[in-house]
Protein backbone atom coordinates (compact mmCIF):
# COMPACT_ATOMS: atom_id res chain seq x y z
CA MET A 1 8.62 -19.64 -33.84
CA ALA A 2 5.41 -18.19 -33.84
CA ASP A 3 3.19 -15.37 -32.83
CA VAL A 4 0.72 -15.82 -30.36
CA PRO A 5 -2.21 -13.88 -30.34
CA HIS A 6 -5.11 -13.58 -27.36
CA ARG A 7 -7.80 -15.84 -27.34
CA ARG A 8 -11.32 -15.65 -25.28
CA GLN A 9 -13.70 -18.13 -25.89
CA ALA A 10 -17.24 -16.58 -26.70
CA THR A 11 -18.97 -18.68 -24.08
CA ARG A 12 -17.36 -17.01 -21.36
CA PRO A 13 -18.25 -13.89 -19.35
CA ARG A 14 -15.52 -11.23 -20.20
CA ARG A 15 -15.79 -9.45 -17.05
CA GLY A 16 -17.66 -8.97 -13.76
CA SER A 17 -17.90 -5.64 -13.48
CA ASP A 18 -18.82 -2.44 -15.58
CA GLY A 19 -15.10 -1.42 -16.63
CA PRO A 20 -13.59 -1.80 -19.98
CA ALA A 21 -12.84 -4.93 -21.44
CA TRP A 22 -9.12 -5.76 -21.04
CA GLN A 23 -6.82 -4.96 -23.92
CA ARG A 24 -5.45 -8.52 -25.18
CA ASP A 25 -2.73 -6.93 -27.50
CA VAL A 26 0.25 -8.56 -26.07
CA ARG A 27 2.04 -10.89 -28.27
CA VAL A 28 4.49 -13.44 -27.37
CA THR A 29 6.62 -15.64 -29.37
CA THR A 30 6.68 -19.83 -28.72
CA THR A 31 9.67 -21.86 -29.59
CA THR A 32 10.12 -25.49 -29.88
CA ALA A 33 14.16 -25.11 -29.23
CA LEU A 34 13.84 -24.79 -25.70
CA THR A 35 14.66 -27.94 -23.31
CA THR A 36 11.85 -27.09 -20.91
CA THR A 37 8.29 -26.32 -21.63
CA GLY A 38 8.68 -22.34 -21.08
CA GLY A 39 8.66 -22.28 -25.00
CA THR A 40 4.89 -23.03 -25.47
CA VAL A 41 1.77 -21.08 -24.32
CA TRP A 42 -0.66 -23.28 -22.66
CA GLY A 43 -4.22 -23.47 -22.39
CA ALA A 44 -4.40 -22.56 -18.71
CA ALA A 45 -2.75 -18.93 -19.26
CA HIS A 46 -5.68 -18.01 -21.48
CA ARG A 47 -8.07 -19.07 -18.81
CA ALA A 48 -6.32 -17.14 -16.00
CA VAL A 49 -6.40 -14.08 -17.98
CA ASP A 50 -10.36 -14.70 -18.39
CA PHE A 51 -10.59 -15.17 -14.72
CA PHE A 52 -8.58 -12.33 -13.44
CA GLU A 53 -9.91 -9.87 -16.36
CA ALA A 54 -13.49 -10.77 -14.53
CA CYS A 55 -12.56 -10.72 -10.86
CA ALA A 56 -9.60 -8.33 -10.47
CA GLY A 57 -11.68 -5.83 -8.43
CA ASP A 58 -13.09 -8.41 -6.37
CA ILE A 59 -10.08 -9.72 -5.54
CA GLY A 60 -8.12 -6.82 -4.76
CA LEU A 61 -5.94 -7.32 -8.13
CA ALA A 62 -6.46 -4.01 -9.17
CA ARG A 63 -5.60 -1.96 -6.16
CA PRO A 64 -3.12 0.45 -6.32
CA GLY A 65 0.42 -0.36 -5.33
CA VAL A 66 -0.29 -4.08 -6.01
CA ARG A 67 2.64 -6.67 -6.30
CA ILE A 68 2.26 -9.88 -8.40
CA LEU A 69 4.76 -12.39 -8.67
CA GLU A 70 4.28 -14.91 -11.72
CA LEU A 71 5.84 -18.66 -11.26
CA GLY A 72 6.80 -20.19 -14.39
CA ALA A 73 6.11 -17.27 -16.84
CA GLY A 74 7.23 -19.07 -19.88
CA CYS A 75 6.42 -17.17 -22.63
CA GLY A 76 5.21 -13.96 -20.76
CA LEU A 77 1.51 -13.81 -22.21
CA LEU A 78 0.02 -14.28 -18.48
CA GLY A 79 2.09 -11.65 -16.73
CA LEU A 80 2.63 -9.13 -19.40
CA THR A 81 -1.53 -9.01 -19.95
CA LEU A 82 -2.05 -8.27 -16.13
CA ALA A 83 0.68 -5.76 -16.45
CA ARG A 84 -1.09 -4.13 -19.49
CA ASN A 85 -4.35 -3.72 -17.85
CA LEU A 86 -3.28 -3.42 -14.10
CA PRO A 87 -1.86 0.51 -14.58
CA HIS A 88 -1.73 1.14 -10.76
CA ALA A 89 0.33 -2.27 -10.11
CA ALA A 90 3.90 -1.47 -8.80
CA GLU A 91 5.54 -4.71 -10.12
CA VAL A 92 4.51 -7.71 -12.19
CA CYS A 93 7.68 -10.40 -11.69
CA LEU A 94 7.94 -12.54 -14.24
CA THR A 95 10.13 -15.53 -13.31
CA GLU A 96 11.72 -18.64 -15.25
CA GLN A 97 14.36 -20.99 -14.74
CA ALA A 98 17.57 -19.96 -15.72
CA ALA A 99 18.69 -23.20 -17.52
CA GLY A 100 17.28 -24.39 -20.90
CA GLY A 101 16.91 -21.13 -22.60
CA ALA A 102 13.70 -20.49 -20.77
CA LEU A 103 14.56 -17.16 -19.08
CA ASP A 104 16.13 -15.38 -21.96
CA HIS A 105 12.96 -16.45 -24.07
CA LEU A 106 10.90 -14.64 -21.51
CA ARG A 107 13.05 -11.56 -21.66
CA ALA A 108 13.22 -11.66 -25.35
CA ASN A 109 9.19 -11.56 -24.94
CA VAL A 110 9.03 -8.97 -22.51
CA ALA A 111 11.31 -6.47 -24.59
CA ALA A 112 9.47 -7.41 -27.50
CA ASN A 113 6.73 -5.61 -26.13
CA ALA A 114 8.44 -2.75 -23.87
CA GLY A 115 6.90 -0.18 -25.57
CA MET A 116 3.01 -0.92 -24.20
CA PRO A 117 1.35 1.13 -21.64
CA GLY A 118 1.33 -0.70 -18.30
CA LEU A 119 4.59 -2.92 -19.07
CA GLY A 120 6.86 -0.77 -16.93
CA ALA A 121 5.76 -2.50 -14.25
CA VAL A 122 7.36 -5.75 -15.22
CA THR A 123 10.31 -7.27 -14.35
CA THR A 124 11.98 -10.81 -14.66
CA ALA A 125 13.98 -13.19 -12.66
CA ALA A 126 15.55 -16.38 -12.08
CA CYS A 127 13.45 -18.58 -10.01
CA ASP A 128 15.33 -21.69 -8.68
CA TRP A 129 12.31 -24.22 -7.29
CA THR A 130 14.95 -26.44 -5.83
CA LEU A 131 16.22 -23.83 -3.03
CA LEU A 132 12.73 -23.59 -1.84
CA GLN A 133 12.04 -27.36 -0.92
CA ALA A 134 11.46 -29.04 2.78
CA PRO A 135 14.51 -30.77 4.04
CA GLY A 136 13.99 -34.10 3.59
CA GLY A 137 11.34 -33.56 1.00
CA SER A 138 11.60 -33.08 -2.75
CA GLY A 139 14.90 -31.40 -3.16
CA ASP A 140 16.44 -34.41 -4.72
CA ALA A 141 14.07 -34.69 -7.27
CA GLY A 142 14.02 -31.10 -8.00
CA ARG A 143 17.90 -31.46 -8.36
CA ARG A 144 16.84 -34.14 -11.15
CA GLY A 145 14.55 -31.89 -13.02
CA GLY A 146 16.45 -28.66 -12.76
CA GLY A 147 13.62 -26.16 -10.95
CA GLY A 148 12.07 -23.68 -12.45
CA GLU A 149 8.81 -23.92 -14.64
CA ALA A 150 7.51 -27.99 -14.82
CA ALA A 151 11.06 -28.11 -13.37
CA GLY A 152 12.67 -28.24 -16.47
CA GLY A 153 10.42 -31.21 -17.92
CA GLU A 154 8.82 -32.08 -20.95
CA HIS A 155 5.48 -32.13 -21.35
CA ALA A 156 4.63 -35.48 -20.78
CA ALA A 157 7.08 -36.55 -18.01
CA ASP A 158 6.76 -39.35 -15.57
CA GLN A 159 4.01 -39.28 -13.34
CA PRO A 160 4.60 -40.07 -9.83
CA GLN A 161 3.95 -43.89 -9.26
CA ALA A 162 2.86 -42.87 -5.23
CA ALA A 163 -0.46 -41.04 -6.62
CA ALA A 164 -2.22 -43.56 -7.01
CA VAL A 165 -1.73 -45.25 -3.88
CA ALA A 166 -2.25 -41.96 -2.13
CA VAL A 167 -5.28 -40.94 -3.64
CA SER A 168 -6.60 -44.57 -2.36
CA ALA A 169 -5.86 -43.78 1.11
CA ILE A 170 -7.78 -40.56 0.91
CA ALA A 171 -10.38 -41.79 -1.11
CA ALA A 172 -11.26 -44.05 2.06
CA ALA A 173 -10.56 -41.79 4.82
CA ALA A 174 -13.06 -39.18 2.58
CA GLU A 175 -16.17 -41.73 2.18
CA ALA A 176 -15.33 -42.27 6.20
CA ALA A 177 -15.38 -39.22 7.20
CA ALA A 178 -17.52 -37.50 5.23
CA VAL A 179 -16.30 -34.12 5.46
CA ALA A 180 -17.56 -30.56 4.63
CA ALA A 181 -15.75 -28.65 2.04
CA ALA A 182 -13.26 -25.56 2.15
CA ALA A 183 -13.16 -23.76 5.30
CA SER A 184 -13.12 -20.11 4.05
CA ALA A 185 -15.71 -17.88 2.30
CA ALA A 186 -15.17 -16.66 -1.46
CA PRO A 187 -14.24 -13.63 -1.74
CA VAL A 188 -17.36 -11.06 -3.38
CA GLY A 189 -17.67 -12.31 -7.11
CA LEU A 190 -16.50 -16.16 -6.84
CA GLU A 191 -18.15 -19.04 -6.47
CA THR A 192 -16.13 -22.47 -5.14
CA THR A 193 -16.77 -25.94 -4.80
CA PRO A 194 -20.19 -26.47 -2.94
CA ALA A 195 -19.88 -27.15 0.66
CA GLY A 196 -21.61 -30.46 0.33
CA GLY A 197 -21.15 -32.05 -2.86
CA ALA A 198 -18.21 -34.36 -3.04
CA ALA A 199 -15.62 -31.94 -2.50
CA VAL A 200 -13.26 -33.70 0.41
CA GLN A 201 -11.43 -31.94 3.00
CA ILE A 202 -9.18 -34.44 5.34
CA ALA A 203 -6.11 -34.02 7.76
CA ALA A 204 -2.79 -34.68 6.27
CA ALA A 205 0.19 -35.39 8.03
CA PRO A 206 2.79 -32.63 8.74
CA ALA A 207 5.96 -32.01 6.36
CA PRO A 208 9.30 -33.25 7.56
CA GLY A 209 10.63 -29.59 7.26
CA ALA A 210 9.31 -26.26 6.26
CA ALA A 211 9.87 -24.51 2.64
CA ALA A 212 9.92 -21.56 4.16
CA CYS A 213 12.99 -22.49 5.93
CA GLY A 214 14.92 -22.70 3.01
CA GLY A 215 14.59 -19.48 2.04
CA GLU A 216 17.88 -17.76 3.85
CA ALA A 217 19.94 -20.62 1.88
CA ALA A 218 17.86 -19.48 -1.27
CA ALA A 219 18.64 -15.94 -0.57
CA ALA A 220 22.49 -16.69 0.20
CA ALA A 221 22.62 -18.76 -2.78
CA ASP A 222 21.27 -16.34 -5.64
CA PRO A 223 20.84 -12.96 -5.84
CA ASP A 224 17.43 -13.05 -8.10
CA MET A 225 16.51 -15.63 -5.23
CA ALA A 226 17.29 -12.98 -2.58
CA ARG A 227 15.23 -10.08 -4.13
CA LEU A 228 12.38 -12.61 -4.98
CA LEU A 229 12.48 -13.84 -1.28
CA SER A 230 13.06 -10.03 0.45
CA ALA A 231 9.98 -8.31 -1.69
CA ARG A 232 6.17 -8.41 -0.26
CA TRP A 233 4.22 -10.27 -2.72
CA ASP A 234 0.34 -9.44 -3.02
CA PHE A 235 -0.10 -12.15 -5.25
CA VAL A 236 1.45 -15.38 -6.71
CA ILE A 237 0.06 -16.71 -9.97
CA GLY A 238 1.09 -19.19 -12.16
CA SER A 239 -0.56 -21.14 -15.07
CA ASP A 240 0.05 -24.74 -16.35
CA LEU A 241 3.20 -25.42 -13.89
CA VAL A 242 2.54 -29.44 -13.08
CA TYR A 243 4.00 -32.03 -15.99
CA ASN A 244 6.18 -34.31 -14.30
CA GLU A 245 6.97 -35.68 -10.52
CA ALA A 246 9.65 -32.96 -9.41
CA GLY A 247 7.66 -30.28 -10.41
CA THR A 248 4.77 -31.31 -8.82
CA HIS A 249 6.55 -32.29 -5.74
CA MET A 250 7.93 -28.53 -5.65
CA LEU A 251 5.25 -26.20 -6.76
CA PRO A 252 3.54 -26.41 -3.45
CA HIS A 253 6.70 -25.30 -1.22
CA VAL A 254 7.57 -22.79 -3.71
CA MET A 255 4.02 -20.83 -3.46
CA ARG A 256 4.08 -20.93 0.53
CA ALA A 257 7.68 -19.70 0.53
CA LEU A 258 6.73 -16.82 -1.94
CA ALA A 259 3.53 -16.18 -0.57
CA LEU A 260 5.30 -15.68 2.70
CA ALA A 261 7.99 -13.60 1.29
CA GLY A 262 9.03 -10.35 2.94
CA ARG A 263 7.13 -11.17 6.25
CA GLN A 264 8.89 -11.79 9.46
CA GLN A 265 10.95 -15.34 8.74
CA ARG A 266 9.68 -17.41 11.00
CA CYS A 267 12.22 -19.89 11.23
CA SER A 268 14.97 -17.57 12.49
CA GLY A 269 13.39 -14.79 13.84
CA GLN A 270 14.96 -12.34 11.59
CA GLN A 271 13.01 -9.61 9.81
CA GLN A 272 13.63 -9.97 5.91
CA PRO A 273 14.78 -6.63 4.56
CA GLN A 274 12.55 -5.38 1.61
CA ALA A 275 13.52 -5.02 -2.18
CA GLY A 276 14.93 -1.72 -2.82
CA GLN A 277 15.54 -2.36 -6.45
CA ARG A 278 13.23 -3.40 -9.55
CA GLY A 279 14.57 -4.89 -12.77
CA SER A 280 13.21 -1.79 -14.76
CA GLY A 281 15.25 0.63 -12.66
CA SER A 282 12.37 2.29 -11.24
CA SER A 283 11.63 2.05 -7.43
CA GLY A 284 8.47 2.45 -5.30
CA SER A 285 6.44 1.61 -2.25
CA SER A 286 3.43 -0.87 -2.50
CA ALA A 287 0.18 0.34 -1.08
CA ALA A 288 -0.16 -3.20 0.41
CA GLN A 289 2.15 -2.19 2.81
CA THR A 290 -0.11 0.47 4.56
CA PRO A 291 -2.12 -0.28 7.28
CA ARG A 292 -5.19 0.35 4.82
CA GLY A 293 -3.75 -2.14 2.24
CA GLU A 294 -2.70 -4.64 4.52
CA GLU A 295 -6.82 -4.69 5.43
CA ALA A 296 -7.71 -4.34 1.91
CA ALA A 297 -5.38 -7.77 1.10
CA ALA A 298 -6.42 -9.56 4.11
CA GLU A 299 -10.09 -9.28 2.68
CA ALA A 300 -9.53 -10.03 -0.82
CA CYS A 301 -7.13 -13.06 0.13
CA GLN A 302 -9.29 -14.82 2.96
CA SER A 303 -5.80 -16.03 4.38
CA GLY A 304 -5.27 -18.56 6.91
CA SER A 305 -2.14 -17.33 7.92
CA SER A 306 0.61 -14.58 8.02
CA GLY A 307 4.09 -14.05 9.25
CA GLU A 308 5.34 -12.87 12.56
CA GLU A 309 4.63 -9.14 12.06
CA GLY A 310 0.38 -10.36 11.22
CA LEU A 311 0.84 -9.38 7.61
CA PRO A 312 -1.54 -11.49 5.64
CA ALA A 313 0.34 -14.01 3.29
CA ALA A 314 0.01 -13.25 -0.68
CA CYS A 315 -2.73 -14.63 -2.79
CA ILE A 316 -1.92 -17.86 -4.57
CA TYR A 317 -4.15 -18.64 -7.91
CA TYR A 318 -3.02 -21.19 -10.27
CA ALA A 319 -4.45 -22.08 -13.40
CA HIS A 320 -4.29 -25.87 -14.23
CA THR A 321 -5.60 -27.99 -17.15
CA LYS A 322 -7.28 -31.00 -15.19
CA ASN A 323 -6.81 -34.55 -16.65
CA ARG A 324 -4.17 -33.98 -18.95
CA LEU A 325 -1.94 -36.07 -15.96
CA PRO A 326 -4.18 -37.13 -13.60
CA ALA A 327 -1.73 -38.87 -11.47
CA CYS A 328 0.09 -35.26 -11.18
CA ASP A 329 -2.93 -33.39 -10.71
CA GLU A 330 -3.71 -35.56 -7.41
CA ALA A 331 -0.21 -35.52 -6.49
CA PHE A 332 -0.04 -31.92 -6.57
CA LEU A 333 -2.98 -31.88 -4.13
CA VAL A 334 -1.20 -33.94 -1.66
CA GLN A 335 1.88 -31.98 -1.69
CA ALA A 336 -0.30 -28.78 -1.23
CA ALA A 337 -1.46 -30.14 1.84
CA ALA A 338 2.12 -31.13 3.39
CA ALA A 339 3.47 -27.79 2.65
CA GLY A 340 0.08 -25.90 4.48
CA LEU A 341 -2.01 -24.74 1.43
CA ALA A 342 -5.71 -25.42 1.55
CA VAL A 343 -6.93 -25.44 -2.22
CA GLU A 344 -10.20 -24.80 -3.85
CA GLU A 345 -11.53 -24.21 -7.26
CA VAL A 346 -12.78 -20.93 -8.03
CA ARG A 347 -14.36 -19.50 -10.73
CA GLU A 348 -16.42 -16.07 -11.90
CA ALA A 349 -20.02 -16.29 -10.49
CA ALA A 350 -21.27 -15.98 -13.92
CA PHE A 351 -19.15 -19.11 -14.97
CA PRO A 352 -21.00 -22.09 -15.96
CA SER A 353 -20.59 -24.97 -13.16
CA PRO A 354 -18.17 -27.76 -14.68
CA PRO A 355 -19.64 -31.25 -14.76
CA PRO A 356 -18.99 -33.62 -12.44
CA SER A 357 -15.60 -35.13 -12.86
CA PRO A 358 -14.69 -38.79 -12.57
CA PRO A 359 -13.09 -40.33 -9.78
CA PRO A 360 -9.58 -40.32 -10.39
CA PHE A 361 -7.99 -43.12 -12.59
CA THR A 362 -11.57 -44.29 -13.63
CA GLU A 363 -11.17 -43.25 -17.46
CA LEU A 364 -8.63 -43.54 -19.40
CA PHE A 365 -9.19 -40.56 -21.68
CA PRO A 366 -11.02 -38.33 -19.04
CA GLU A 367 -11.84 -34.99 -20.29
CA MET A 368 -9.60 -31.99 -19.70
CA ARG A 369 -10.62 -28.78 -18.62
CA CYS A 370 -8.56 -25.70 -17.72
CA LEU A 371 -9.76 -24.48 -14.00
CA VAL A 372 -8.62 -21.79 -11.45
CA TYR A 373 -7.10 -22.91 -8.19
CA ARG A 374 -6.94 -20.62 -4.80
CA ALA A 375 -4.48 -21.63 -2.40
CA THR A 376 -4.46 -20.50 1.14
CA VAL A 377 -1.47 -20.61 3.55
CA LEU A 378 -2.87 -22.47 6.61
CA PRO A 379 -1.81 -21.19 10.01
CA GLY A 380 1.15 -23.22 11.30
CA GLY A 381 4.95 -22.95 12.31
CA CYS A 382 7.68 -24.19 10.31
CA ALA A 383 8.54 -27.30 11.67
CA ALA A 384 5.05 -28.66 12.07
CA ARG A 385 2.38 -27.73 9.33
CA GLY A 386 -1.27 -29.95 10.50
CA ALA A 387 -2.89 -28.70 6.85
CA ALA A 388 -6.32 -29.39 4.98
CA LEU A 389 -6.76 -30.08 1.89
CA THR A 390 -9.56 -29.94 -0.44
CA LEU A 391 -9.11 -32.64 -2.89
CA GLY A 392 -10.33 -33.28 -6.40
CA LEU A 393 -13.32 -30.68 -6.27
CA ARG A 394 -15.67 -33.06 -7.52
CA GLU A 395 -19.41 -31.47 -8.03
């Protein structure tokens, strides 16, 4: 085992405001003993911390009462650092799969840092991704993978064979259509892929079912899932969660289901109860549940969809190492479209623009870089999701 300190690249801006620099004194232990990827701190976690430090005020992350859910928290570095530096957060929930020892390892790291200021808002929960899949979709693949971070797969697991075919079809459609980039404007202080450039937005086929429809079954099957699906999250975040076919297919559906958690159940018309218990033993209501908080959340997220009550979906931010597994990169974006998510790369205004990326599968060893995606839940019902996909983000 080894302790992992924070690292911040000197060439990157520390913050986008005049506020104090974030405390980066959280220390977590890594391990190679797990059968999942959760025992390692991947580079995208550090990139996510840099991004959130610079943009917390601009995207609404620092507002009082905010509730944050991290998917596949692994060693806990990202979520613990957010809790350490967001003293007004109501809850920062770190989730992991129960199998393979990942959740136990996460909880050990949380306990080791428990005395630090701000960490009283931290809770942990098991999250089984296989319970949040669309019927007829990737559930079978998920059961093979086991759910949770990277679906329990190894770092160099199988890449989806269909990705190259899907990307070829998408590229052909994009070339013929010559469409514009992402539809929504970025919040103040952020830059997105230019609307002109080579970013591609295309129509995607609706999914055969709805990931959110699996929420009721998931809640009935597992107490932790019931709590996750009854709470109303303001942010759903994660870093480096795409490593194999199962995780690649499941992650976007999990993101959507949890971004809509706590809002009206759109499939059944039933109102989800609010979570009344926090893992730390304390309780409290989120400011985001007030009308003023809801307006702030809507402005911060630029959300394109909401529950039946009209509440904005949670903001989704996912930090990812691009070109580590190119087939998984492209398949993730295809699955995001099927799940009703519009995905775009965002970065701090002072962050240098990345170099142009080559077309998928044209280079044997493409250069890897850590980036941050923002995913927006698009309007549409549970049974049919016409989706727009911002693909590739190649300036």
